Structure formats: structure tokens, C-alpha cells
Protein backbone atom coordinates (compact mmCIF):
# COMPACT_ATOMS: atom_id res chain seq x y z
CA GLN A 1 -17.93 -3.79 6.02
CA VAL A 2 -14.31 -3.89 6.22
CA GLN A 3 -11.22 -2.08 8.06
CA LEU A 4 -8.09 -1.01 7.13
CA VAL A 5 -5.68 0.62 9.46
CA GLU A 6 -1.86 1.13 8.35
CA SER A 7 1.26 1.92 9.83
CA GLY A 8 4.77 2.66 9.28
CA GLY A 9 4.55 6.67 7.64
CA GLY A 10 7.48 8.16 8.56
CA LEU A 11 10.07 10.63 7.49
CA VAL A 12 13.34 9.16 6.00
CA GLN A 13 16.42 10.76 4.04
CA PRO A 14 16.59 10.15 0.31
CA GLY A 15 17.96 6.46 -0.51
CA GLY A 16 16.70 5.08 2.94
CA SER A 17 14.14 2.43 3.90
CA LEU A 18 10.56 2.95 5.27
CA ARG A 19 7.91 -0.44 5.83
CA LEU A 20 4.69 0.22 4.96
CA SER A 21 2.31 -2.32 6.72
CA CYS A 22 -2.58 -2.32 6.78
CA ALA A 23 -4.52 -4.35 8.77
CA ALA A 24 -7.74 -5.86 7.39
CA SER A 25 -10.76 -6.91 9.63
CA GLY A 26 -13.94 -7.45 9.66
CA SER A 27 -16.02 -9.35 6.57
CA ILE A 28 -13.44 -10.14 4.16
CA PHE A 29 -14.03 -11.69 1.07
CA SER A 30 -11.25 -14.84 0.47
CA LEU A 31 -10.72 -13.56 -3.51
CA ASN A 32 -9.69 -10.11 -3.30
CA VAL A 33 -6.30 -7.57 -3.79
CA MET A 34 -5.01 -5.37 -1.83
CA GLY A 35 -3.06 -3.11 -2.31
CA TRP A 36 -1.36 0.78 -2.20
CA TYR A 37 -1.74 4.21 -3.55
CA ARG A 38 -0.89 7.09 -3.21
CA GLN A 39 -1.54 10.73 -3.26
CA ALA A 40 0.97 13.51 -3.68
CA PRO A 41 0.37 17.26 -2.89
CA GLY A 42 -1.64 18.53 -6.14
CA LYS A 43 -2.06 15.34 -7.82
CA GLN A 44 -4.31 12.78 -8.12
CA ARG A 45 -4.35 9.57 -6.44
CA GLU A 46 -1.71 6.93 -8.34
CA LEU A 47 -1.45 3.09 -7.76
CA VAL A 48 2.06 1.82 -5.94
CA ALA A 49 1.55 -2.26 -6.12
CA THR A 50 -1.03 -4.76 -6.13
CA ILE A 51 -1.45 -8.20 -4.63
CA THR A 52 -4.60 -10.54 -5.11
CA SER A 53 -5.58 -13.82 -3.15
CA VAL A 54 -3.66 -15.80 -5.04
CA GLY A 55 -0.62 -14.14 -5.31
CA THR A 56 -0.35 -11.84 -8.45
CA ILE A 57 1.75 -8.99 -7.55
CA ASN A 58 1.69 -5.79 -9.84
CA TYR A 59 3.87 -2.61 -9.86
CA ALA A 60 4.17 0.92 -11.02
CA ASP A 61 6.37 1.83 -12.89
CA SER A 62 7.83 4.29 -10.97
CA VAL A 63 8.66 2.21 -8.01
CA LYS A 64 9.52 -1.12 -9.94
CA GLY A 65 13.09 -2.62 -8.70
CA ARG A 66 12.59 -0.52 -5.04
CA PHE A 67 9.14 -1.41 -3.82
CA THR A 68 8.11 -4.90 -2.61
CA ILE A 69 4.33 -6.28 -2.40
CA SER A 70 3.68 -8.91 0.25
CA ARG A 71 0.81 -9.73 2.62
CA ASP A 72 -0.32 -12.75 5.04
CA GLY A 73 -3.48 -14.31 3.65
CA ARG A 74 -4.14 -15.80 7.23
CA LYS A 75 -3.64 -12.04 9.37
CA ASN A 76 -5.46 -10.58 6.14
CA THR A 77 -2.17 -7.80 6.04
CA VAL A 78 -0.75 -6.76 3.83
CA SER A 79 3.13 -4.90 3.31
CA LEU A 80 5.27 -2.30 1.35
CA GLN A 81 8.76 -2.64 1.56
CA MET A 82 10.16 0.97 -0.08
CA ASN A 83 13.80 0.94 -0.29
CA SER A 84 15.70 3.57 -1.98
CA LEU A 85 13.53 6.41 -1.36
CA LYS A 86 13.49 9.14 -3.50
CA PRO A 87 12.12 12.69 -3.43
CA GLU A 88 8.91 12.64 -5.43
CA ASP A 89 8.28 8.85 -3.64
CA THR A 90 6.76 11.35 -0.81
CA ALA A 91 3.22 11.14 -0.51
CA VAL A 92 0.11 9.93 1.94
CA TYR A 93 -0.09 6.35 1.24
CA TYR A 94 -3.43 4.77 1.39
CA CYS A 95 -4.10 0.79 1.64
CA ASN A 96 -7.00 -0.70 -0.25
CA LEU A 97 -8.65 -4.16 -0.98
CA ARG A 98 -11.58 -4.36 -2.75
CA PHE A 99 -13.25 -8.04 -4.11
CA LEU A 100 -12.79 -9.33 -6.40
CA ARG A 101 -16.60 -11.17 -7.00
CA GLN A 102 -18.30 -9.15 -4.23
CA ARG A 103 -18.77 -5.93 -4.25
CA GLY A 104 -16.52 -4.17 -1.57
CA ASP A 105 -14.04 -1.73 -2.02
CA TYR A 106 -12.11 -0.47 1.25
CA TRP A 107 -10.12 2.67 1.93
CA GLY A 108 -8.01 3.07 4.91
CA ARG A 109 -7.33 7.29 5.85
CA GLY A 110 -3.39 6.85 4.86
CA THR A 111 0.60 7.28 6.52
CA GLN A 112 2.26 9.73 4.91
CA VAL A 113 5.73 8.94 4.30
CA THR A 114 8.22 12.22 3.65
CA VAL A 115 11.74 11.78 2.09
CA SER A 116 13.78 14.82 2.42
CA SER A 117 17.61 15.41 3.95
């Protein structure tokens, strides 16, 4: 089993920054993709950014140029640096880990990010 624990959410003013972190523990296969998704009230969960174990990165168009995803393969952690935050970035942010060759798709419990003045 795999456990994911997020940290770093909170309340920030528009234009501000936050950094989210996620630590994975358990039986983790080396070929995987870690990432962040978010879900705003009344909306479906959507992809924010992902990064594979070989460093391939994907961003949602809405966050390109503002958010940066990174990971530490040895520590099995993934981080999301969020700059120039907008009110529309308000959502619960979920960490995800999915294996690329084995069955396994895991989610954290989520962390609230609120962008408001």
C-alpha cells in the first residue's frame, strides 16, 4: 500500500504564493508519475501538474508560467510552487501517485488552498 500526505495549503491574497508538498510512503515502484489535481466547489477534479519519475512534466494551461512542479526521487516527495495566485485557483488540492507499469493509483486526502483578499 501507498500513503500520501499533503501539506502547505492555506489562505493567501491574490498575487501571493504558496508551496504544497506531498510525501509518499509504502511500496513504491520506480516508474511512476506524481502530480497535483484540484477540485473547486461544484466542479470536477482537474489536473494541475504532473511529473514522471524520469522528469517529464505536464501543466494545465491555466497554471503554466505560474506554477512549478518538482520532485525528489530518493525521498518520494513532490512539491508544487504556486506563484501569482488568483481567486480561481481556490480549491482542494490533491496529491496523486500512479504506477506506470503496475496497477496502483493513489490519492492524498487533500489540502485547501484559498485565494482571497
